[in-house]
C-alpha cells in the first residue's frame, strides 16, 4: 500500500516538475542527510497514523460464486506525513 502511494507521488511530481523551468529532477525517498549529485526532490515518510474519523468497525461481506460468503474487516485508513526537501548540487 505505501509503495503505491510513493509511486503515485513520484509520478505526480515528475509530471508537474517537468513543466517548470527547472525541468526533470530526480525523485528520492531516502532518509534526510543523504548526499546527492543531481537536482533531487526527496520525500521522507516520517509519520503514519490511523485516520480515526474514517475508521469503520463494520465488517465487509463478499459473496462467493459457490453461495458462501467471506467476512472481513475493511482496510485501515491512514494519514501519511512526508518531510519534503529539495537539494541542488
PDB file of N, CA and C in Angstrom:
ATOM      1  N   UNK A   1       0.816  -1.183   0.000  1.00  0.00           N
ATOM      2  CA  UNK A   1       0.000   0.000   0.000  1.00  0.00           C
ATOM      3  C   UNK A   1       0.870   1.261   0.000  1.00  0.00           C
ATOM      4  N   UNK A   2       1.856   1.329   0.871  1.00  0.00           N
ATOM      5  CA  UNK A   2       2.694   2.526   0.938  1.00  0.00           C
ATOM      6  C   UNK A   2       3.573   2.671  -0.299  1.00  0.00           C
ATOM      7  N   UNK A   3       3.965   1.564  -0.877  1.00  0.00           N
ATOM      8  CA  UNK A   3       4.762   1.632  -2.104  1.00  0.00           C
ATOM      9  C   UNK A   3       3.925   2.244  -3.235  1.00  0.00           C
ATOM     10  N   UNK A   4       2.632   1.919  -3.271  1.00  0.00           N
ATOM     11  CA  UNK A   4       1.748   2.513  -4.276  1.00  0.00           C
ATOM     12  C   UNK A   4       1.626   4.021  -4.074  1.00  0.00           C
ATOM     13  N   UNK A   5       1.544   4.452  -2.825  1.00  0.00           N
ATOM     14  CA  UNK A   5       1.484   5.882  -2.522  1.00  0.00           C
ATOM     15  C   UNK A   5       2.768   6.568  -2.982  1.00  0.00           C
ATOM     16  N   UNK A   6       3.912   5.980  -2.687  1.00  0.00           N
ATOM     17  CA  UNK A   6       5.192   6.548  -3.128  1.00  0.00           C
ATOM     18  C   UNK A   6       5.249   6.667  -4.648  1.00  0.00           C
ATOM     19  N   UNK A   7       4.830   5.637  -5.344  1.00  0.00           N
ATOM     20  CA  UNK A   7       4.868   5.660  -6.814  1.00  0.00           C
ATOM     21  C   UNK A   7       3.938   6.733  -7.373  1.00  0.00           C
ATOM     22  N   UNK A   8       2.771   6.899  -6.765  1.00  0.00           N
ATOM     23  CA  UNK A   8       1.832   7.928  -7.212  1.00  0.00           C
ATOM     24  C   UNK A   8       2.416   9.319  -7.004  1.00  0.00           C
ATOM     25  N   UNK A   9       2.985   9.563  -5.831  1.00  0.00           N
ATOM     26  CA  UNK A   9       3.610  10.861  -5.565  1.00  0.00           C
ATOM     27  C   UNK A   9       4.759  11.124  -6.534  1.00  0.00           C
ATOM     28  N   UNK A  10       5.546  10.103  -6.802  1.00  0.00           N
ATOM     29  CA  UNK A  10       6.679  10.244  -7.725  1.00  0.00           C
ATOM     30  C   UNK A  10       6.194  10.637  -9.120  1.00  0.00           C
ATOM     31  N   UNK A  11       5.164   9.967  -9.610  1.00  0.00           N
ATOM     32  CA  UNK A  11       4.644  10.279 -10.949  1.00  0.00           C
ATOM     33  C   UNK A  11       4.061  11.686 -11.004  1.00  0.00           C
ATOM     34  N   UNK A  12       3.313  12.080  -9.964  1.00  0.00           N
ATOM     35  CA  UNK A  12       2.749  13.434  -9.926  1.00  0.00           C
ATOM     36  C   UNK A  12       3.845  14.495  -9.958  1.00  0.00           C
ATOM     37  N   UNK A  13       4.888  14.298  -9.178  1.00  0.00           N
ATOM     38  CA  UNK A  13       5.988  15.263  -9.152  1.00  0.00           C
ATOM     39  C   UNK A  13       6.759  15.279 -10.465  1.00  0.00           C
ATOM     40  N   UNK A  14       7.009  14.121 -11.040  1.00  0.00           N
ATOM     41  CA  UNK A  14       7.747  14.068 -12.306  1.00  0.00           C
ATOM     42  C   UNK A  14       6.996  14.819 -13.392  1.00  0.00           C
ATOM     43  N   UNK A  15       5.699  14.614 -13.476  1.00  0.00           N
ATOM     44  CA  UNK A  15       4.908  15.298 -14.499  1.00  0.00           C
ATOM     45  C   UNK A  15       4.841  16.798 -14.215  1.00  0.00           C
ATOM     46  N   UNK A  16       4.553  17.154 -12.971  1.00  0.00           N
ATOM     47  CA  UNK A  16       4.428  18.565 -12.613  1.00  0.00           C
ATOM     48  C   UNK A  16       5.721  19.340 -12.749  1.00  0.00           C
ATOM     49  N   UNK A  17       6.820  18.770 -12.291  1.00  0.00           N
ATOM     50  CA  UNK A  17       8.101  19.476 -12.339  1.00  0.00           C
ATOM     51  C   UNK A  17       8.691  19.529 -13.737  1.00  0.00           C
ATOM     52  N   UNK A  18       8.352  18.583 -14.593  1.00  0.00           N
ATOM     53  CA  UNK A  18       8.897  18.599 -15.956  1.00  0.00           C
ATOM     54  C   UNK A  18       8.350  19.777 -16.755  1.00  0.00           C
ATOM     55  N   UNK A  19       7.257  20.369 -16.296  1.00  0.00           N
ATOM     56  CA  UNK A  19       6.642  21.503 -16.992  1.00  0.00           C
ATOM     57  C   UNK A  19       7.101  22.847 -16.430  1.00  0.00           C
ATOM     58  N   UNK A  20       8.089  22.837 -15.553  1.00  0.00           N
ATOM     59  CA  UNK A  20       8.619  24.074 -14.969  1.00  0.00           C
ATOM     60  C   UNK A  20       9.986  24.377 -15.578  1.00  0.00           C
ATOM     61  N   UNK A  21      10.511  25.579 -15.347  1.00  0.00           N
ATOM     62  CA  UNK A  21      11.854  25.897 -15.853  1.00  0.00           C
ATOM     63  C   UNK A  21      12.945  24.993 -15.278  1.00  0.00           C
ATOM     64  N   UNK A  22      12.701  24.408 -14.119  1.00  0.00           N
ATOM     65  CA  UNK A  22      13.695  23.518 -13.510  1.00  0.00           C
ATOM     66  C   UNK A  22      13.903  22.285 -14.370  1.00  0.00           C
ATOM     67  N   UNK A  23      12.827  21.790 -14.985  1.00  0.00           N
ATOM     68  CA  UNK A  23      12.922  20.596 -15.813  1.00  0.00           C
ATOM     69  C   UNK A  23      12.888  19.329 -14.988  1.00  0.00           C
ATOM     70  N   UNK A  24      13.456  18.285 -15.541  1.00  0.00           N
ATOM     71  CA  UNK A  24      13.425  16.978 -14.885  1.00  0.00           C
ATOM     72  C   UNK A  24      14.346  16.963 -13.671  1.00  0.00           C
ATOM     73  N   UNK A  25      13.858  16.376 -12.594  1.00  0.00           N
ATOM     74  CA  UNK A  25      14.654  16.201 -11.382  1.00  0.00           C
ATOM     75  C   UNK A  25      14.496  14.770 -10.905  1.00  0.00           C
ATOM     76  N   UNK A  26      15.437  14.345 -10.089  1.00  0.00           N
ATOM     77  CA  UNK A  26      15.365  13.010  -9.506  1.00  0.00           C
ATOM     78  C   UNK A  26      14.423  13.068  -8.306  1.00  0.00           C
ATOM     79  N   UNK A  27      13.558  12.072  -8.168  1.00  0.00           N
ATOM     80  CA  UNK A  27      12.664  11.955  -7.021  1.00  0.00           C
ATOM     81  C   UNK A  27      13.202  10.825  -6.156  1.00  0.00           C
ATOM     82  N   UNK A  28      13.411  11.124  -4.875  1.00  0.00           N
ATOM     83  CA  UNK A  28      14.015  10.159  -3.962  1.00  0.00           C
ATOM     84  C   UNK A  28      13.136   9.994  -2.730  1.00  0.00           C
ATOM     85  N   UNK A  29      13.253   8.835  -2.088  1.00  0.00           N
ATOM     86  CA  UNK A  29      12.534   8.557  -0.844  1.00  0.00           C
ATOM     87  C   UNK A  29      13.519   8.137   0.248  1.00  0.00           C
ATOM     88  N   UNK A  30      14.721   8.692   0.206  1.00  0.00           N
ATOM     89  CA  UNK A  30      15.776   8.338   1.162  1.00  0.00           C
ATOM     90  C   UNK A  30      15.630   9.137   2.455  1.00  0.00           C
ATOM     91  N   UNK A  31      16.335   8.683   3.471  1.00  0.00           N
ATOM     92  CA  UNK A  31      16.364   9.414   4.744  1.00  0.00           C
ATOM     93  C   UNK A  31      17.073  10.750   4.536  1.00  0.00           C
ATOM     94  N   UNK A  32      16.662  11.794   5.260  1.00  0.00           N
ATOM     95  CA  UNK A  32      17.321  13.100   5.120  1.00  0.00           C
ATOM     96  C   UNK A  32      18.812  13.011   5.446  1.00  0.00           C
ATOM     97  N   UNK A  33      19.579  13.875   4.798  1.00  0.00           N
ATOM     98  CA  UNK A  33      21.013  13.914   5.056  1.00  0.00           C
ATOM     99  C   UNK A  33      21.837  13.181   4.023  1.00  0.00           C
ATOM    100  N   UNK A  34      21.210  12.483   3.104  1.00  0.00           N
ATOM    101  CA  UNK A  34      21.950  11.770   2.062  1.00  0.00           C
ATOM    102  C   UNK A  34      22.556  12.781   1.091  1.00  0.00           C
ATOM    103  N   UNK A  35      23.755  12.512   0.647  1.00  0.00           N
ATOM    104  CA  UNK A  35      24.402  13.380  -0.336  1.00  0.00           C
ATOM    105  C   UNK A  35      23.844  13.073  -1.719  1.00  0.00           C
ATOM    106  N   UNK A  36      23.648  14.120  -2.509  1.00  0.00           N
ATOM    107  CA  UNK A  36      23.135  13.949  -3.866  1.00  0.00           C
ATOM    108  C   UNK A  36      24.078  14.620  -4.847  1.00  0.00           C
ATOM    109  N   UNK A  37      24.082  14.123  -6.070  1.00  0.00           N
ATOM    110  CA  UNK A  37      24.947  14.680  -7.106  1.00  0.00           C
ATOM    111  C   UNK A  37      24.148  15.354  -8.208  1.00  0.00           C
ATOM    112  N   UNK A  38      22.829  15.356  -8.076  1.00  0.00           N
ATOM    113  CA  UNK A  38      21.987  15.984  -9.081  1.00  0.00           C
ATOM    114  C   UNK A  38      20.792  16.630  -8.398  1.00  0.00           C
ATOM    115  N   UNK A  39      20.015  17.393  -9.166  1.00  0.00           N
ATOM    116  CA  UNK A  39      18.823  18.016  -8.604  1.00  0.00           C
ATOM    117  C   UNK A  39      17.886  16.925  -8.090  1.00  0.00           C
ATOM    118  N   UNK A  40      17.523  17.020  -6.822  1.00  0.00           N
ATOM    119  CA  UNK A  40      16.720  15.960  -6.213  1.00  0.00           C
ATOM    120  C   UNK A  40      15.624  16.546  -5.338  1.00  0.00           C
ATOM    121  N   UNK A  41      14.434  16.002  -5.484  1.00  0.00           N
ATOM    122  CA  UNK A  41      13.347  16.261  -4.545  1.00  0.00           C
ATOM    123  C   UNK A  41      13.220  14.997  -3.718  1.00  0.00           C
ATOM    124  N   UNK A  42      13.395  15.137  -2.410  1.00  0.00           N
ATOM    125  CA  UNK A  42      13.365  13.974  -1.525  1.00  0.00           C
ATOM    126  C   UNK A  42      12.102  14.006  -0.670  1.00  0.00           C
ATOM    127  N   UNK A  43      11.396  12.891  -0.636  1.00  0.00           N
ATOM    128  CA  UNK A  43      10.204  12.745   0.195  1.00  0.00           C
ATOM    129  C   UNK A  43      10.490  11.660   1.220  1.00  0.00           C
ATOM    130  N   UNK A  44      10.524  12.042   2.489  1.00  0.00           N
ATOM    131  CA  UNK A  44      10.804  11.094   3.559  1.00  0.00           C
ATOM    132  C   UNK A  44       9.536  10.897   4.382  1.00  0.00           C
ATOM    133  N   UNK A  45       9.015   9.684   4.372  1.00  0.00           N
ATOM    134  CA  UNK A  45       7.815   9.351   5.141  1.00  0.00           C
ATOM    135  C   UNK A  45       8.207   9.239   6.606  1.00  0.00           C
ATOM    136  N   UNK A  46       7.780  10.211   7.419  1.00  0.00           N
ATOM    137  CA  UNK A  46       8.206  10.210   8.821  1.00  0.00           C
ATOM    138  C   UNK A  46       7.093   9.881   9.809  1.00  0.00           C
ATOM    139  N   UNK A  47       5.835   9.819   9.360  1.00  0.00           N
ATOM    140  CA  UNK A  47       4.763   9.526  10.308  1.00  0.00           C
ATOM    141  C   UNK A  47       3.585   8.885   9.589  1.00  0.00           C
ATOM    142  N   UNK A  48       3.062   7.828  10.183  1.00  0.00           N
ATOM    143  CA  UNK A  48       1.859   7.157   9.689  1.00  0.00           C
ATOM    144  C   UNK A  48       0.928   6.993  10.881  1.00  0.00           C
ATOM    145  N   UNK A  49      -0.297   7.500  10.730  1.00  0.00           N
ATOM    146  CA  UNK A  49      -1.283   7.379  11.809  1.00  0.00           C
ATOM    147  C   UNK A  49      -2.620   6.949  11.232  1.00  0.00           C
ATOM    148  N   UNK A  50      -3.323   6.133  11.988  1.00  0.00           N
ATOM    149  CA  UNK A  50      -4.660   5.737  11.562  1.00  0.00           C
ATOM    150  C   UNK A  50      -5.571   6.956  11.595  1.00  0.00           C
ATOM    151  N   UNK A  51      -6.370   7.124  10.542  1.00  0.00           N
ATOM    152  CA  UNK A  51      -7.345   8.204  10.488  1.00  0.00           C
ATOM    153  C   UNK A  51      -8.597   7.726  11.208  1.00  0.00           C
ATOM    154  N   UNK A  52      -8.779   8.196  12.430  1.00  0.00           N
ATOM    155  CA  UNK A  52      -9.888   7.729  13.260  1.00  0.00           C
ATOM    156  C   UNK A  52     -11.241   8.221  12.760  1.00  0.00           C
ATOM    157  N   UNK A  53     -11.266   9.337  12.043  1.00  0.00           N
ATOM    158  CA  UNK A  53     -12.528   9.842  11.501  1.00  0.00           C
ATOM    159  C   UNK A  53     -13.068   8.935  10.402  1.00  0.00           C
ATOM    160  N   UNK A  54     -12.195   8.275   9.676  1.00  0.00           N
ATOM    161  CA  UNK A  54     -12.621   7.397   8.585  1.00  0.00           C
ATOM    162  C   UNK A  54     -12.690   5.933   9.001  1.00  0.00           C
ATOM    163  N   UNK A  55     -12.395   5.647  10.258  1.00  0.00           N
ATOM    164  CA  UNK A  55     -12.404   4.264  10.753  1.00  0.00           C
ATOM    165  C   UNK A  55     -13.819   3.696  10.674  1.00  0.00           C
ATOM    166  N   UNK A  56     -13.904   2.442  10.290  1.00  0.00           N
ATOM    167  CA  UNK A  56     -15.188   1.744  10.247  1.00  0.00           C
ATOM    168  C   UNK A  56     -15.049   0.433  11.001  1.00  0.00           C
ATOM    169  N   UNK A  57     -15.966   0.194  11.916  1.00  0.00           N
ATOM    170  CA  UNK A  57     -15.971  -1.062  12.660  1.00  0.00           C
ATOM    171  C   UNK A  57     -16.872  -2.103  12.014  1.00  0.00           C
ATOM    172  N   UNK A  58     -17.533  -1.723  10.919  1.00  0.00           N
ATOM    173  CA  UNK A  58     -18.424  -2.647  10.217  1.00  0.00           C
ATOM    174  C   UNK A  58     -17.614  -3.672   9.435  1.00  0.00           C
ATOM    175  N   UNK A  59     -18.048  -4.897   9.493  1.00  0.00           N
ATOM    176  CA  UNK A  59     -17.418  -5.954   8.716  1.00  0.00           C
ATOM    177  C   UNK A  59     -17.930  -5.884   7.287  1.00  0.00           C
ATOM    178  N   UNK A  60     -17.085  -6.202   6.333  1.00  0.00           N
ATOM    179  CA  UNK A  60     -17.475  -6.281   4.929  1.00  0.00           C
ATOM    180  C   UNK A  60     -17.772  -7.730   4.593  1.00  0.00           C
ATOM    181  N   UNK A  61     -18.774  -7.935   3.743  1.00  0.00           N
ATOM    182  CA  UNK A  61     -19.150  -9.287   3.334  1.00  0.00           C
ATOM    183  C   UNK A  61     -19.002  -9.376   1.823  1.00  0.00           C
ATOM    184  N   UNK A  62     -18.279 -10.391   1.379  1.00  0.00           N
ATOM    185  CA  UNK A  62     -18.080 -10.615  -0.050  1.00  0.00           C
ATOM    186  C   UNK A  62     -18.691 -11.961  -0.408  1.00  0.00           C
ATOM    187  N   UNK A  63     -19.695 -11.931  -1.258  1.00  0.00           N
ATOM    188  CA  UNK A  63     -20.378 -13.157  -1.683  1.00  0.00           C
ATOM    189  C   UNK A  63     -19.526 -13.904  -2.707  1.00  0.00           C
ATOM    190  N   UNK A  64     -19.457 -15.198  -2.547  1.00  0.00           N
ATOM    191  CA  UNK A  64     -18.689 -16.053  -3.449  1.00  0.00           C
ATOM    192  C   UNK A  64     -19.635 -16.723  -4.447  1.00  0.00           C
ATOM    193  N   UNK A  65     -19.094 -17.185  -5.542  1.00  0.00           N
ATOM    194  CA  UNK A  65     -19.885 -17.844  -6.570  1.00  0.00           C
ATOM    195  C   UNK A  65     -20.508 -19.156  -6.119  1.00  0.00           C
ATOM    196  N   UNK A  66     -19.929 -19.798  -5.119  1.00  0.00           N
ATOM    197  CA  UNK A  66     -20.453 -21.088  -4.659  1.00  0.00           C
ATOM    198  C   UNK A  66     -21.500 -20.934  -3.553  1.00  0.00           C
ATOM    199  N   UNK A  67     -21.976 -19.708  -3.327  1.00  0.00           N
ATOM    200  CA  UNK A  67     -23.013 -19.490  -2.327  1.00  0.00           C
ATOM    201  C   UNK A  67     -22.497 -19.156  -0.938  1.00  0.00           C
ATOM    202  N   UNK A  68     -21.204 -19.236  -0.730  1.00  0.00           N
ATOM    203  CA  UNK A  68     -20.647 -18.885   0.572  1.00  0.00           C
ATOM    204  C   UNK A  68     -20.313 -17.394   0.606  1.00  0.00           C
ATOM    205  N   UNK A  69     -19.950 -16.926   1.755  1.00  0.00           N
ATOM    206  CA  UNK A  69     -19.593 -15.519   1.909  1.00  0.00           C
ATOM    207  C   UNK A  69     -18.334 -15.404   2.754  1.00  0.00           C
ATOM    208  N   UNK A  70     -17.507 -14.441   2.404  1.00  0.00           N
ATOM    209  CA  UNK A  70     -16.320 -14.125   3.192  1.00  0.00           C
ATOM    210  C   UNK A  70     -16.602 -12.856   3.979  1.00  0.00           C
ATOM    211  N   UNK A  71     -16.262 -12.880   5.242  1.00  0.00           N
ATOM    212  CA  UNK A  71     -16.472 -11.730   6.112  1.00  0.00           C
ATOM    213  C   UNK A  71     -15.097 -11.227   6.550  1.00  0.00           C
ATOM    214  N   UNK A  72     -14.836  -9.928   6.346  1.00  0.00           N
ATOM    215  CA  UNK A  72     -13.533  -9.384   6.710  1.00  0.00           C
ATOM    216  C   UNK A  72     -13.671  -7.920   7.118  1.00  0.00           C
ATOM    217  N   UNK A  73     -12.684  -7.460   7.862  1.00  0.00           N
ATOM    218  CA  UNK A  73     -12.674  -6.061   8.270  1.00  0.00           C
ATOM    219  C   UNK A  73     -12.126  -5.199   7.141  1.00  0.00           C
ATOM    220  N   UNK A  74     -12.633  -3.977   7.009  1.00  0.00           N
ATOM    221  CA  UNK A  74     -12.114  -3.098   5.956  1.00  0.00           C
ATOM    222  C   UNK A  74     -10.673  -2.702   6.252  1.00  0.00           C
ATOM    223  N   UNK A  75      -9.938  -2.310   5.225  1.00  0.00           N
ATOM    224  CA  UNK A  75      -8.549  -1.900   5.456  1.00  0.00           C
ATOM    225  C   UNK A  75      -8.492  -0.634   6.307  1.00  0.00           C
ATOM    226  N   UNK A  76      -7.405  -0.482   7.018  1.00  0.00           N
ATOM    227  CA  UNK A  76      -7.205   0.719   7.831  1.00  0.00           C
ATOM    228  C   UNK A  76      -6.955   1.910   6.914  1.00  0.00           C
ATOM    229  N   UNK A  77      -7.498   3.026   7.283  1.00  0.00           N
ATOM    230  CA  UNK A  77      -7.256   4.270   6.548  1.00  0.00           C
ATOM    231  C   UNK A  77      -6.234   5.066   7.349  1.00  0.00           C
ATOM    232  N   UNK A  78      -5.213   5.527   6.662  1.00  0.00           N
ATOM    233  CA  UNK A  78      -4.108   6.173   7.364  1.00  0.00           C
ATOM    234  C   UNK A  78      -3.806   7.552   6.785  1.00  0.00           C
ATOM    235  N   UNK A  79      -3.227   8.386   7.622  1.00  0.00           N
ATOM    236  CA  UNK A  79      -2.688   9.676   7.204  1.00  0.00           C
ATOM    237  C   UNK A  79      -1.173   9.536   7.180  1.00  0.00           C
ATOM    238  N   UNK A  80      -0.567   9.934   6.079  1.00  0.00           N
ATOM    239  CA  UNK A  80       0.886   9.833   5.930  1.00  0.00           C
ATOM    240  C   UNK A  80       1.476  11.242   5.872  1.00  0.00           C
ATOM    241  N   UNK A  81       2.540  11.458   6.625  1.00  0.00           N
ATOM    242  CA  UNK A  81       3.219  12.753   6.647  1.00  0.00           C
ATOM    243  C   UNK A  81       4.624  12.590   6.078  1.00  0.00           C
ATOM    244  N   UNK A  82       4.952  13.462   5.135  1.00  0.00           N
ATOM    245  CA  UNK A  82       6.256  13.427   4.483  1.00  0.00           C
ATOM    246  C   UNK A  82       7.036  14.701   4.787  1.00  0.00           C
ATOM    247  N   UNK A  83       8.334  14.559   4.974  1.00  0.00           N
ATOM    248  CA  UNK A  83       9.254  15.689   5.010  1.00  0.00           C
ATOM    249  C   UNK A  83       9.791  15.820   3.588  1.00  0.00           C
ATOM    250  N   UNK A  84       9.569  16.966   2.974  1.00  0.00           N
ATOM    251  CA  UNK A  84       9.979  17.172   1.582  1.00  0.00           C
ATOM    252  C   UNK A  84      11.129  18.167   1.550  1.00  0.00           C
ATOM    253  N   UNK A  85      12.232  17.749   0.949  1.00  0.00           N
ATOM    254  CA  UNK A  85      13.389  18.628   0.799  1.00  0.00           C
ATOM    255  C   UNK A  85      13.812  18.666  -0.664  1.00  0.00           C
ATOM    256  N   UNK A  86      14.375  19.786  -1.049  1.00  0.00           N
ATOM    257  CA  UNK A  86      14.889  19.957  -2.412  1.00  0.00           C
ATOM    258  C   UNK A  86      16.376  20.228  -2.292  1.00  0.00           C
ATOM    259  N   UNK A  87      17.166  19.463  -3.025  1.00  0.00           N
ATOM    260  CA  UNK A  87      18.624  19.633  -2.982  1.00  0.00           C
ATOM    261  C   UNK A  87      19.144  19.912  -4.385  1.00  0.00           C
ATOM    262  N   UNK A  88      20.005  20.901  -4.447  1.00  0.00           N
ATOM    263  CA  UNK A  88      20.679  21.231  -5.696  1.00  0.00           C
ATOM    264  C   UNK A  88      22.171  21.138  -5.435  1.00  0.00           C
ATOM    265  N   UNK A  89      22.910  20.448  -6.281  1.00  0.00           N
ATOM    266  CA  UNK A  89      24.359  20.310  -6.046  1.00  0.00           C
ATOM    267  C   UNK A  89      25.086  21.638  -6.195  1.00  0.00           C
TER     268      UNK A  89
END
